């Protein structure tokens, strides 16, 4: 059995599937598509797909709370919002496993502890590299930052394009989706929320 985290950061037991077993599964899919997995151009494709999937879905092997463990207390009492803008999002929807491409805006109001700015981007990346819905992704990022930093407030906005909507189904190429999630002072105080929305709109 292998221990992994699910999308809510709970530890799950799952049967270990070998790379070879996964490659055989992709050969089956190629055959189902009408292809010949033994032809020259496809001989290495299952192996390459496995390598790519390890990158696409590497977030299952990482704990976002650990990323936020190292904080700084010597910030001379800074207690205003910190906003990190335009963090790239590359994820896959859980319904069709199609890419979700966009940007995230992340803000928090410190409560004595400040975290390195790159760590906020890493939290976005870890949750993005899992099968997702954009709504859940937005909430997971916000809740993790709020809880790990004991912040006074957290705000997360994601604006993205879903290829399950642009390349298949309804095929609306220009459609984008925006989600917001506010916690603490960002939810309770509209003036704080409006300041954040003004910052990210510039």
N, C-alpha and C. Protein backbone atom coordinates (compact mmCIF):
# COMPACT_ATOMS: atom_id res chain seq x y z
N UNK A 1 0.84 -1.20 0.00
CA UNK A 1 0.00 0.00 0.00
C UNK A 1 0.87 1.25 0.00
N UNK A 2 0.39 2.28 -0.69
CA UNK A 2 1.11 3.54 -0.75
C UNK A 2 0.27 4.62 -0.10
N UNK A 3 0.89 5.48 0.73
CA UNK A 3 0.17 6.57 1.36
C UNK A 3 0.24 7.81 0.48
N UNK A 4 -0.91 8.38 0.16
CA UNK A 4 -0.96 9.63 -0.60
C UNK A 4 -2.01 10.52 0.03
N UNK A 5 -1.99 11.81 -0.37
CA UNK A 5 -2.99 12.75 0.11
C UNK A 5 -4.10 12.87 -0.90
N UNK A 6 -5.35 12.97 -0.44
CA UNK A 6 -6.43 13.26 -1.37
C UNK A 6 -6.55 14.76 -1.52
N UNK A 7 -7.57 15.24 -2.26
CA UNK A 7 -7.68 16.66 -2.57
C UNK A 7 -8.00 17.50 -1.34
N UNK A 8 -8.38 16.89 -0.23
CA UNK A 8 -8.61 17.63 1.01
C UNK A 8 -7.48 17.41 2.00
N UNK A 9 -6.33 16.94 1.49
CA UNK A 9 -5.12 16.75 2.30
C UNK A 9 -5.29 15.68 3.36
N UNK A 10 -6.20 14.74 3.15
CA UNK A 10 -6.30 13.60 4.05
C UNK A 10 -5.46 12.47 3.47
N UNK A 11 -4.84 11.69 4.36
CA UNK A 11 -3.99 10.61 3.91
C UNK A 11 -4.85 9.39 3.55
N UNK A 12 -4.61 8.87 2.35
CA UNK A 12 -5.37 7.72 1.88
C UNK A 12 -4.42 6.56 1.61
N UNK A 13 -4.91 5.34 1.76
CA UNK A 13 -4.18 4.15 1.34
C UNK A 13 -4.60 3.81 -0.09
N UNK A 14 -3.62 3.59 -0.95
CA UNK A 14 -3.95 3.23 -2.31
C UNK A 14 -2.97 2.19 -2.80
N UNK A 15 -3.44 1.29 -3.65
CA UNK A 15 -2.59 0.24 -4.18
C UNK A 15 -1.58 0.87 -5.13
N UNK A 16 -0.33 0.50 -4.98
CA UNK A 16 0.73 1.02 -5.84
C UNK A 16 0.60 0.40 -7.23
N UNK A 17 0.51 1.25 -8.23
CA UNK A 17 0.47 0.81 -9.62
C UNK A 17 1.83 1.12 -10.22
N UNK A 18 2.44 0.13 -10.83
CA UNK A 18 3.78 0.33 -11.38
C UNK A 18 3.71 1.13 -12.67
N UNK A 19 4.86 1.72 -13.05
CA UNK A 19 4.94 2.43 -14.32
C UNK A 19 4.60 1.50 -15.47
N UNK A 20 5.07 0.26 -15.39
CA UNK A 20 4.81 -0.71 -16.47
C UNK A 20 3.32 -0.98 -16.62
N UNK A 21 2.61 -1.13 -15.50
CA UNK A 21 1.16 -1.35 -15.57
C UNK A 21 0.45 -0.16 -16.19
N UNK A 22 0.91 1.04 -15.82
CA UNK A 22 0.30 2.25 -16.37
C UNK A 22 0.58 2.36 -17.87
N UNK A 23 1.79 2.00 -18.29
CA UNK A 23 2.11 2.01 -19.72
C UNK A 23 1.22 1.06 -20.50
N UNK A 24 0.97 -0.11 -19.94
CA UNK A 24 0.09 -1.08 -20.61
C UNK A 24 -1.33 -0.52 -20.75
N UNK A 25 -1.76 0.21 -19.73
CA UNK A 25 -3.09 0.82 -19.79
C UNK A 25 -3.17 1.84 -20.93
N UNK A 26 -2.11 2.62 -21.11
CA UNK A 26 -2.11 3.59 -22.20
C UNK A 26 -2.04 2.91 -23.56
N UNK A 27 -1.37 1.78 -23.65
CA UNK A 27 -1.38 1.01 -24.90
C UNK A 27 -2.80 0.57 -25.24
N UNK A 28 -3.53 0.17 -24.21
CA UNK A 28 -4.93 -0.22 -24.42
C UNK A 28 -5.75 0.94 -24.94
N UNK A 29 -5.54 2.12 -24.37
CA UNK A 29 -6.27 3.31 -24.81
C UNK A 29 -5.91 3.65 -26.26
N UNK A 30 -4.63 3.54 -26.63
CA UNK A 30 -4.23 3.79 -28.00
C UNK A 30 -4.93 2.85 -28.96
N UNK A 31 -5.02 1.58 -28.57
CA UNK A 31 -5.72 0.60 -29.39
C UNK A 31 -7.19 0.94 -29.50
N UNK A 32 -7.80 1.34 -28.38
CA UNK A 32 -9.23 1.75 -28.37
C UNK A 32 -9.47 2.93 -29.30
N UNK A 33 -8.49 3.84 -29.41
CA UNK A 33 -8.60 5.00 -30.28
C UNK A 33 -8.57 4.62 -31.75
N UNK A 34 -8.06 3.43 -32.05
CA UNK A 34 -7.92 3.02 -33.44
C UNK A 34 -6.48 3.05 -33.92
N UNK A 35 -5.56 3.26 -32.97
CA UNK A 35 -4.15 3.32 -33.31
C UNK A 35 -3.47 1.96 -33.12
N UNK A 36 -2.24 1.88 -33.61
CA UNK A 36 -1.42 0.69 -33.43
C UNK A 36 -0.25 1.07 -32.52
N UNK A 37 -0.30 0.70 -31.24
CA UNK A 37 0.75 1.09 -30.31
C UNK A 37 2.12 0.50 -30.63
N UNK A 38 2.16 -0.44 -31.58
CA UNK A 38 3.44 -1.05 -31.93
C UNK A 38 4.11 -0.36 -33.11
N UNK A 39 3.44 0.63 -33.71
CA UNK A 39 4.09 1.32 -34.83
C UNK A 39 5.19 2.24 -34.30
N UNK A 40 6.15 2.52 -35.16
CA UNK A 40 7.38 3.20 -34.73
C UNK A 40 7.12 4.50 -33.96
N UNK A 41 6.21 5.33 -34.46
CA UNK A 41 5.97 6.63 -33.84
C UNK A 41 5.34 6.56 -32.46
N UNK A 42 4.76 5.41 -32.12
CA UNK A 42 4.06 5.28 -30.84
C UNK A 42 4.75 4.33 -29.86
N UNK A 43 5.86 3.76 -30.26
CA UNK A 43 6.51 2.77 -29.40
C UNK A 43 6.86 3.33 -28.02
N UNK A 44 7.33 4.56 -27.97
CA UNK A 44 7.74 5.16 -26.70
C UNK A 44 6.67 6.08 -26.11
N UNK A 45 5.53 6.19 -26.79
CA UNK A 45 4.50 7.12 -26.32
C UNK A 45 3.98 6.79 -24.92
N UNK A 46 3.62 5.56 -24.61
CA UNK A 46 3.13 5.28 -23.24
C UNK A 46 4.14 5.68 -22.16
N UNK A 47 5.42 5.43 -22.41
CA UNK A 47 6.45 5.81 -21.44
C UNK A 47 6.53 7.33 -21.30
N UNK A 48 6.43 8.04 -22.44
CA UNK A 48 6.48 9.49 -22.39
C UNK A 48 5.26 10.07 -21.68
N UNK A 49 4.10 9.45 -21.91
CA UNK A 49 2.88 9.92 -21.26
C UNK A 49 2.98 9.74 -19.74
N UNK A 50 3.51 8.62 -19.31
CA UNK A 50 3.69 8.38 -17.87
C UNK A 50 4.60 9.45 -17.27
N UNK A 51 5.69 9.77 -17.97
CA UNK A 51 6.61 10.79 -17.48
C UNK A 51 5.91 12.14 -17.39
N UNK A 52 5.11 12.46 -18.40
CA UNK A 52 4.38 13.73 -18.39
C UNK A 52 3.35 13.75 -17.27
N UNK A 53 2.65 12.64 -17.06
CA UNK A 53 1.63 12.60 -16.02
C UNK A 53 2.23 12.77 -14.63
N UNK A 54 3.43 12.27 -14.43
CA UNK A 54 4.10 12.46 -13.14
C UNK A 54 4.32 13.95 -12.88
N UNK A 55 4.55 14.71 -13.94
CA UNK A 55 4.72 16.15 -13.81
C UNK A 55 3.37 16.84 -13.64
N UNK A 56 2.38 16.45 -14.47
CA UNK A 56 1.06 17.07 -14.40
C UNK A 56 0.42 16.90 -13.03
N UNK A 57 0.59 15.71 -12.44
CA UNK A 57 -0.13 15.37 -11.21
C UNK A 57 0.79 15.14 -10.02
N UNK A 58 1.92 15.83 -10.03
CA UNK A 58 2.88 15.68 -8.93
C UNK A 58 2.39 16.24 -7.61
N UNK A 59 1.30 16.99 -7.62
CA UNK A 59 0.78 17.59 -6.39
C UNK A 59 0.26 16.58 -5.38
N UNK A 60 -0.08 15.39 -5.85
CA UNK A 60 -0.57 14.37 -4.91
C UNK A 60 0.53 13.91 -3.96
N UNK A 61 1.77 14.06 -4.36
CA UNK A 61 2.89 13.59 -3.55
C UNK A 61 3.44 14.66 -2.62
N UNK A 62 2.84 15.85 -2.62
CA UNK A 62 3.36 16.94 -1.80
C UNK A 62 2.31 17.43 -0.81
N UNK A 63 2.79 17.89 0.33
CA UNK A 63 1.92 18.40 1.39
C UNK A 63 2.04 19.93 1.41
N UNK A 64 0.99 20.66 1.01
CA UNK A 64 1.09 22.13 0.96
C UNK A 64 1.28 22.77 2.32
N UNK A 65 0.82 22.12 3.38
CA UNK A 65 1.01 22.69 4.73
C UNK A 65 2.49 22.76 5.10
N UNK A 66 3.27 21.77 4.67
CA UNK A 66 4.70 21.78 4.98
C UNK A 66 5.41 22.93 4.29
N UNK A 67 4.92 23.31 3.11
CA UNK A 67 5.53 24.41 2.37
C UNK A 67 5.45 25.70 3.18
N UNK A 68 4.39 25.85 3.96
CA UNK A 68 4.15 27.08 4.71
C UNK A 68 4.70 27.04 6.13
N UNK A 69 5.43 25.98 6.47
CA UNK A 69 5.95 25.84 7.83
C UNK A 69 6.99 26.88 8.19
N UNK A 70 7.83 27.24 7.22
CA UNK A 70 8.89 28.19 7.49
C UNK A 70 8.37 29.61 7.32
N UNK A 71 8.25 30.32 8.42
CA UNK A 71 7.74 31.70 8.39
C UNK A 71 8.73 32.63 9.07
N UNK A 72 8.48 33.92 8.92
CA UNK A 72 9.36 34.94 9.49
C UNK A 72 8.58 35.81 10.46
N UNK A 73 9.09 35.92 11.69
CA UNK A 73 8.42 36.73 12.68
C UNK A 73 8.98 38.14 12.79
N UNK A 74 10.21 38.32 12.29
CA UNK A 74 10.88 39.62 12.40
C UNK A 74 10.55 40.49 11.19
N UNK A 75 9.33 41.01 11.17
CA UNK A 75 8.89 41.85 10.04
C UNK A 75 8.47 43.23 10.54
N UNK A 76 8.95 43.60 11.72
CA UNK A 76 8.73 44.93 12.30
C UNK A 76 7.25 45.28 12.39
N UNK A 77 6.44 44.29 12.70
CA UNK A 77 5.02 44.53 12.95
C UNK A 77 4.16 44.73 11.71
N UNK A 78 4.66 44.35 10.54
CA UNK A 78 3.86 44.51 9.31
C UNK A 78 2.55 43.74 9.44
N UNK A 79 1.43 44.43 9.22
CA UNK A 79 0.13 43.78 9.41
C UNK A 79 -0.89 44.15 8.33
N UNK A 80 -0.40 44.64 7.19
CA UNK A 80 -1.29 44.95 6.07
C UNK A 80 -1.27 43.77 5.10
N UNK A 81 -2.14 43.83 4.10
CA UNK A 81 -2.24 42.70 3.20
C UNK A 81 -1.00 42.55 2.32
N UNK A 82 -0.70 41.30 2.02
CA UNK A 82 0.35 40.94 1.07
C UNK A 82 -0.36 40.32 -0.13
N UNK A 83 -0.09 40.85 -1.32
CA UNK A 83 -0.76 40.38 -2.53
C UNK A 83 0.27 39.86 -3.52
N UNK A 84 0.11 38.62 -3.95
CA UNK A 84 0.95 38.04 -5.00
C UNK A 84 0.07 37.86 -6.23
N UNK A 85 0.42 38.56 -7.31
CA UNK A 85 -0.44 38.59 -8.49
C UNK A 85 0.11 37.72 -9.63
N UNK A 86 -0.83 37.28 -10.46
CA UNK A 86 -0.51 36.63 -11.72
C UNK A 86 0.35 35.37 -11.57
N UNK A 87 -0.04 34.52 -10.61
CA UNK A 87 0.61 33.22 -10.44
C UNK A 87 0.00 32.26 -11.47
N UNK A 88 0.82 31.68 -12.29
CA UNK A 88 0.29 30.81 -13.35
C UNK A 88 -0.36 29.56 -12.76
N UNK A 89 -1.45 29.15 -13.39
CA UNK A 89 -2.18 27.95 -12.99
C UNK A 89 -2.23 27.01 -14.19
N UNK A 90 -1.74 25.81 -14.00
CA UNK A 90 -1.88 24.74 -15.00
C UNK A 90 -2.40 23.52 -14.29
N UNK A 91 -3.64 23.19 -14.54
CA UNK A 91 -4.27 22.07 -13.87
C UNK A 91 -5.03 21.23 -14.88
N UNK A 92 -5.77 20.23 -14.40
CA UNK A 92 -6.61 19.39 -15.25
C UNK A 92 -7.95 19.18 -14.57
N UNK A 93 -9.02 19.30 -15.33
CA UNK A 93 -10.34 19.11 -14.74
C UNK A 93 -10.58 17.63 -14.46
N UNK A 94 -11.28 17.37 -13.38
CA UNK A 94 -11.50 15.98 -12.98
C UNK A 94 -12.58 15.29 -13.80
N UNK A 95 -13.33 16.04 -14.59
CA UNK A 95 -14.41 15.45 -15.36
C UNK A 95 -13.96 14.89 -16.70
N UNK A 96 -13.04 15.61 -17.37
CA UNK A 96 -12.57 15.16 -18.69
C UNK A 96 -11.05 15.05 -18.76
N UNK A 97 -10.36 15.39 -17.67
CA UNK A 97 -8.90 15.41 -17.62
C UNK A 97 -8.33 16.33 -18.69
N UNK A 98 -9.07 17.39 -19.01
CA UNK A 98 -8.61 18.39 -19.96
C UNK A 98 -7.92 19.52 -19.21
N UNK A 99 -6.97 20.21 -19.85
CA UNK A 99 -6.22 21.27 -19.16
C UNK A 99 -7.08 22.44 -18.72
N UNK A 100 -6.69 23.01 -17.58
CA UNK A 100 -7.21 24.28 -17.07
C UNK A 100 -6.01 25.21 -17.03
N UNK A 101 -6.08 26.31 -17.77
CA UNK A 101 -4.95 27.22 -17.87
C UNK A 101 -5.40 28.62 -17.45
N UNK A 102 -4.67 29.23 -16.52
CA UNK A 102 -5.07 30.57 -16.09
C UNK A 102 -4.08 31.19 -15.14
N UNK A 103 -4.58 32.11 -14.33
CA UNK A 103 -3.75 32.80 -13.34
C UNK A 103 -4.49 32.88 -12.00
N UNK A 104 -3.70 32.93 -10.95
CA UNK A 104 -4.25 33.06 -9.59
C UNK A 104 -3.71 34.34 -8.96
N UNK A 105 -4.57 34.99 -8.19
CA UNK A 105 -4.17 36.13 -7.37
C UNK A 105 -4.36 35.68 -5.91
N UNK A 106 -3.35 35.87 -5.10
CA UNK A 106 -3.38 35.38 -3.72
C UNK A 106 -3.01 36.52 -2.77
N UNK A 107 -3.82 36.70 -1.73
CA UNK A 107 -3.53 37.74 -0.74
C UNK A 107 -3.79 37.20 0.66
N UNK A 108 -3.02 37.70 1.62
CA UNK A 108 -3.30 37.36 3.02
C UNK A 108 -2.90 38.53 3.90
N UNK A 109 -3.50 38.59 5.07
CA UNK A 109 -3.16 39.59 6.07
C UNK A 109 -2.47 38.86 7.22
N UNK A 110 -1.18 39.15 7.45
CA UNK A 110 -0.41 38.40 8.44
C UNK A 110 -0.92 38.60 9.86
N UNK A 111 -0.71 37.57 10.65
CA UNK A 111 -0.97 37.63 12.08
C UNK A 111 0.33 37.24 12.77
N UNK A 112 1.28 38.18 12.81
CA UNK A 112 2.61 38.02 13.41
C UNK A 112 3.60 37.29 12.50
N UNK A 113 3.13 36.32 11.70
CA UNK A 113 4.07 35.55 10.88
C UNK A 113 3.87 35.86 9.41
N UNK A 114 4.99 36.01 8.69
CA UNK A 114 4.99 36.26 7.25
C UNK A 114 5.72 35.10 6.58
N UNK A 115 5.22 34.66 5.44
CA UNK A 115 5.83 33.55 4.73
C UNK A 115 6.53 34.07 3.48
N UNK A 116 7.55 33.35 3.01
CA UNK A 116 8.23 33.73 1.78
C UNK A 116 7.26 33.75 0.62
N UNK A 117 7.38 34.74 -0.25
CA UNK A 117 6.41 34.92 -1.33
C UNK A 117 6.34 33.71 -2.27
N UNK A 118 7.48 33.08 -2.52
CA UNK A 118 7.47 31.93 -3.43
C UNK A 118 6.65 30.77 -2.86
N UNK A 119 6.51 30.73 -1.53
CA UNK A 119 5.76 29.64 -0.91
C UNK A 119 4.27 29.72 -1.26
N UNK A 120 3.75 30.93 -1.43
CA UNK A 120 2.35 31.08 -1.82
C UNK A 120 2.14 30.53 -3.23
N UNK A 121 3.10 30.81 -4.12
CA UNK A 121 3.02 30.27 -5.47
C UNK A 121 3.13 28.75 -5.46
N UNK A 122 3.94 28.21 -4.54
CA UNK A 122 4.09 26.75 -4.45
C UNK A 122 2.80 26.09 -4.00
N UNK A 123 2.07 26.73 -3.09
CA UNK A 123 0.78 26.18 -2.66
C UNK A 123 -0.17 26.12 -3.85
N UNK A 124 -0.20 27.19 -4.65
CA UNK A 124 -1.03 27.18 -5.86
C UNK A 124 -0.63 26.02 -6.76
N UNK A 125 0.66 25.83 -6.95
CA UNK A 125 1.15 24.79 -7.84
C UNK A 125 0.79 23.39 -7.34
N UNK A 126 0.97 23.16 -6.04
CA UNK A 126 0.70 21.82 -5.50
C UNK A 126 -0.76 21.42 -5.69
N UNK A 127 -1.68 22.33 -5.36
CA UNK A 127 -3.09 21.99 -5.53
C UNK A 127 -3.49 21.95 -7.00
N UNK A 128 -2.81 22.73 -7.85
CA UNK A 128 -3.12 22.72 -9.27
C UNK A 128 -2.71 21.41 -9.92
N UNK A 129 -1.63 20.81 -9.43
CA UNK A 129 -1.14 19.58 -10.03
C UNK A 129 -1.88 18.36 -9.47
N UNK A 130 -3.19 18.48 -9.46
CA UNK A 130 -4.10 17.39 -9.10
C UNK A 130 -5.34 17.53 -10.00
N UNK A 131 -6.13 16.48 -10.10
CA UNK A 131 -7.40 16.62 -10.81
C UNK A 131 -8.27 17.57 -10.01
N UNK A 132 -8.88 18.56 -10.66
CA UNK A 132 -9.52 19.63 -9.92
C UNK A 132 -10.83 20.09 -10.55
N UNK A 133 -11.62 20.78 -9.74
CA UNK A 133 -12.60 21.74 -10.21
C UNK A 133 -12.05 23.10 -9.79
N UNK A 134 -12.34 24.13 -10.55
CA UNK A 134 -11.76 25.43 -10.22
C UNK A 134 -12.29 25.94 -8.89
N UNK A 135 -13.54 25.64 -8.59
CA UNK A 135 -14.12 26.10 -7.33
C UNK A 135 -13.38 25.49 -6.14
N UNK A 136 -13.13 24.19 -6.20
CA UNK A 136 -12.44 23.53 -5.09
C UNK A 136 -10.99 23.99 -5.00
N UNK A 137 -10.35 24.15 -6.15
CA UNK A 137 -8.97 24.61 -6.17
C UNK A 137 -8.84 25.96 -5.47
N UNK A 138 -9.74 26.87 -5.76
CA UNK A 138 -9.72 28.20 -5.15
C UNK A 138 -9.86 28.10 -3.63
N UNK A 139 -10.80 27.27 -3.18
CA UNK A 139 -11.04 27.11 -1.75
C UNK A 139 -9.87 26.44 -1.04
N UNK A 140 -9.29 25.42 -1.67
CA UNK A 140 -8.19 24.70 -1.02
C UNK A 140 -6.98 25.60 -0.78
N UNK A 141 -6.66 26.42 -1.78
CA UNK A 141 -5.54 27.34 -1.63
C UNK A 141 -5.79 28.29 -0.47
N UNK A 142 -6.99 28.89 -0.44
CA UNK A 142 -7.31 29.87 0.59
C UNK A 142 -7.32 29.25 1.99
N UNK A 143 -7.97 28.11 2.14
CA UNK A 143 -8.08 27.48 3.46
C UNK A 143 -6.72 27.04 3.99
N UNK A 144 -5.89 26.52 3.12
CA UNK A 144 -4.57 26.05 3.55
C UNK A 144 -3.71 27.22 4.04
N UNK A 145 -3.72 28.33 3.31
CA UNK A 145 -2.94 29.50 3.73
C UNK A 145 -3.49 30.06 5.05
N UNK A 146 -4.81 30.13 5.15
CA UNK A 146 -5.45 30.66 6.36
C UNK A 146 -5.08 29.84 7.58
N UNK A 147 -5.18 28.53 7.46
CA UNK A 147 -4.94 27.65 8.60
C UNK A 147 -3.45 27.54 8.94
N UNK A 148 -2.63 27.41 7.93
CA UNK A 148 -1.20 27.22 8.19
C UNK A 148 -0.54 28.46 8.76
N UNK A 149 -0.96 29.63 8.32
CA UNK A 149 -0.34 30.88 8.78
C UNK A 149 -1.11 31.53 9.92
N UNK A 150 -2.28 30.95 10.28
CA UNK A 150 -3.14 31.60 11.27
C UNK A 150 -3.35 33.06 10.89
N UNK A 151 -3.63 33.28 9.60
CA UNK A 151 -3.73 34.63 9.06
C UNK A 151 -5.00 35.33 9.53
N UNK A 152 -4.99 36.67 9.45
CA UNK A 152 -6.19 37.44 9.77
C UNK A 152 -7.20 37.40 8.64
N UNK A 153 -6.73 37.07 7.46
CA UNK A 153 -7.63 36.96 6.32
C UNK A 153 -6.88 36.47 5.10
N UNK A 154 -7.60 35.83 4.19
CA UNK A 154 -7.02 35.32 2.95
C UNK A 154 -8.01 35.55 1.82
N UNK A 155 -7.50 35.92 0.66
CA UNK A 155 -8.33 36.05 -0.54
C UNK A 155 -7.62 35.36 -1.70
N UNK A 156 -8.37 34.61 -2.49
CA UNK A 156 -7.83 33.93 -3.67
C UNK A 156 -8.79 34.13 -4.83
N UNK A 157 -8.25 34.51 -5.97
CA UNK A 157 -9.03 34.65 -7.20
C UNK A 157 -8.33 33.86 -8.30
N UNK A 158 -9.10 33.08 -9.04
CA UNK A 158 -8.54 32.36 -10.19
C UNK A 158 -9.36 32.70 -11.42
N UNK A 159 -8.67 33.03 -12.49
CA UNK A 159 -9.28 33.32 -13.79
C UNK A 159 -8.65 32.36 -14.79
N UNK A 160 -9.45 31.48 -15.38
CA UNK A 160 -8.85 30.45 -16.22
C UNK A 160 -9.75 30.04 -17.38
N UNK A 161 -9.11 29.37 -18.31
CA UNK A 161 -9.79 28.77 -19.46
C UNK A 161 -9.80 27.27 -19.29
N UNK A 162 -10.95 26.66 -19.52
CA UNK A 162 -11.11 25.21 -19.39
C UNK A 162 -11.21 24.59 -20.78
N UNK A 163 -10.25 23.75 -21.12
CA UNK A 163 -10.26 23.17 -22.46
C UNK A 163 -11.36 22.13 -22.64
N UNK A 164 -11.94 21.68 -21.55
CA UNK A 164 -13.11 20.80 -21.69
C UNK A 164 -14.31 21.60 -22.21
N UNK A 165 -14.21 22.92 -22.13
CA UNK A 165 -15.27 23.80 -22.60
C UNK A 165 -14.91 24.48 -23.93
N UNK A 166 -13.61 24.67 -24.16
CA UNK A 166 -13.20 25.37 -25.38
C UNK A 166 -12.91 24.43 -26.55
N UNK A 167 -12.47 23.19 -26.26
CA UNK A 167 -12.08 22.26 -27.33
C UNK A 167 -13.09 21.16 -27.57
N UNK A 168 -14.05 20.97 -26.67
CA UNK A 168 -15.06 19.93 -26.82
C UNK A 168 -16.39 20.47 -26.32
N UNK A 169 -17.42 19.64 -26.39
CA UNK A 169 -18.72 20.05 -25.86
C UNK A 169 -19.24 21.30 -26.53
N UNK A 170 -19.42 22.35 -25.74
CA UNK A 170 -20.02 23.58 -26.24
C UNK A 170 -19.05 24.39 -27.14
N UNK A 171 -17.75 24.15 -27.00
CA UNK A 171 -16.71 24.76 -27.85
C UNK A 171 -16.81 26.28 -27.92
N UNK A 172 -16.79 26.91 -26.78
CA UNK A 172 -16.77 28.38 -26.71
C UNK A 172 -15.33 28.81 -26.39
N UNK A 173 -14.58 29.11 -27.45
CA UNK A 173 -13.13 29.30 -27.33
C UNK A 173 -12.74 30.47 -26.45
N UNK A 174 -13.58 31.49 -26.36
CA UNK A 174 -13.21 32.69 -25.62
C UNK A 174 -13.75 32.72 -24.19
N UNK A 175 -14.43 31.67 -23.78
CA UNK A 175 -15.02 31.65 -22.44
C UNK A 175 -13.96 31.47 -21.36
N UNK A 176 -14.05 32.28 -20.31
CA UNK A 176 -13.18 32.12 -19.15
C UNK A 176 -14.04 32.01 -17.90
N UNK A 177 -13.45 31.49 -16.85
CA UNK A 177 -14.15 31.30 -15.58
C UNK A 177 -13.38 32.00 -14.47
N UNK A 178 -14.09 32.77 -13.64
CA UNK A 178 -13.48 33.47 -12.51
C UNK A 178 -14.11 32.98 -11.22
N UNK A 179 -13.27 32.60 -10.27
CA UNK A 179 -13.76 32.20 -8.94
C UNK A 179 -13.02 33.00 -7.87
N UNK A 180 -13.73 33.32 -6.80
CA UNK A 180 -13.16 34.03 -5.65
C UNK A 180 -13.47 33.27 -4.38
N UNK A 181 -12.55 33.36 -3.42
CA UNK A 181 -12.85 32.81 -2.09
C UNK A 181 -12.19 33.72 -1.06
N UNK A 182 -13.01 34.17 -0.10
CA UNK A 182 -12.56 35.11 0.92
C UNK A 182 -12.72 34.51 2.31
N UNK A 183 -11.73 34.73 3.15
CA UNK A 183 -11.77 34.27 4.53
C UNK A 183 -11.34 35.41 5.46
N UNK A 184 -11.82 35.36 6.69
CA UNK A 184 -11.40 36.34 7.69
C UNK A 184 -11.79 37.76 7.30
N UNK A 185 -10.85 38.68 7.44
CA UNK A 185 -11.15 40.09 7.19
C UNK A 185 -11.58 40.36 5.75
N UNK A 186 -11.14 39.56 4.82
CA UNK A 186 -11.55 39.75 3.43
C UNK A 186 -13.04 39.44 3.25
N UNK A 187 -13.55 38.54 4.06
CA UNK A 187 -14.98 38.22 3.99
C UNK A 187 -15.81 39.16 4.85
N UNK A 188 -15.27 39.52 6.00
CA UNK A 188 -16.04 40.29 6.98
C UNK A 188 -16.06 41.79 6.72
N UNK A 189 -15.03 42.30 6.07
CA UNK A 189 -14.89 43.74 5.88
C UNK A 189 -14.86 44.06 4.38
N UNK A 190 -15.93 44.62 3.86
CA UNK A 190 -16.03 44.89 2.43
C UNK A 190 -14.98 45.91 1.97
N UNK A 191 -14.56 46.81 2.85
CA UNK A 191 -13.54 47.77 2.46
C UNK A 191 -12.21 47.06 2.19
N UNK A 192 -11.89 46.05 2.98
CA UNK A 192 -10.67 45.26 2.77
C UNK A 192 -10.80 44.46 1.47
N UNK A 193 -11.96 43.85 1.30
CA UNK A 193 -12.21 43.08 0.08
C UNK A 193 -12.09 43.96 -1.16
N UNK A 194 -12.66 45.16 -1.09
CA UNK A 194 -12.62 46.07 -2.24
C UNK A 194 -11.20 46.54 -2.54
N UNK A 195 -10.40 46.76 -1.48
CA UNK A 195 -8.98 47.12 -1.71
C UNK A 195 -8.27 46.02 -2.46
N UNK A 196 -8.51 44.79 -2.05
CA UNK A 196 -7.89 43.64 -2.73
C UNK A 196 -8.32 43.59 -4.20
N UNK A 197 -9.62 43.73 -4.44
CA UNK A 197 -10.12 43.65 -5.81
C UNK A 197 -9.56 44.78 -6.67
N UNK A 198 -9.33 45.93 -6.06
CA UNK A 198 -8.71 47.05 -6.78
C UNK A 198 -7.27 46.73 -7.11
N UNK A 199 -6.54 46.15 -6.16
CA UNK A 199 -5.14 45.79 -6.39
C UNK A 199 -5.00 44.83 -7.56
N UNK A 200 -5.83 43.80 -7.59
CA UNK A 200 -5.64 42.75 -8.61
C UNK A 200 -6.18 43.17 -9.97
N UNK A 201 -6.96 44.25 -10.02
CA UNK A 201 -7.51 44.70 -11.29
C UNK A 201 -6.55 45.63 -12.04
N UNK A 202 -5.46 46.06 -11.38
CA UNK A 202 -4.53 46.99 -11.99
C UNK A 202 -3.56 46.26 -12.92
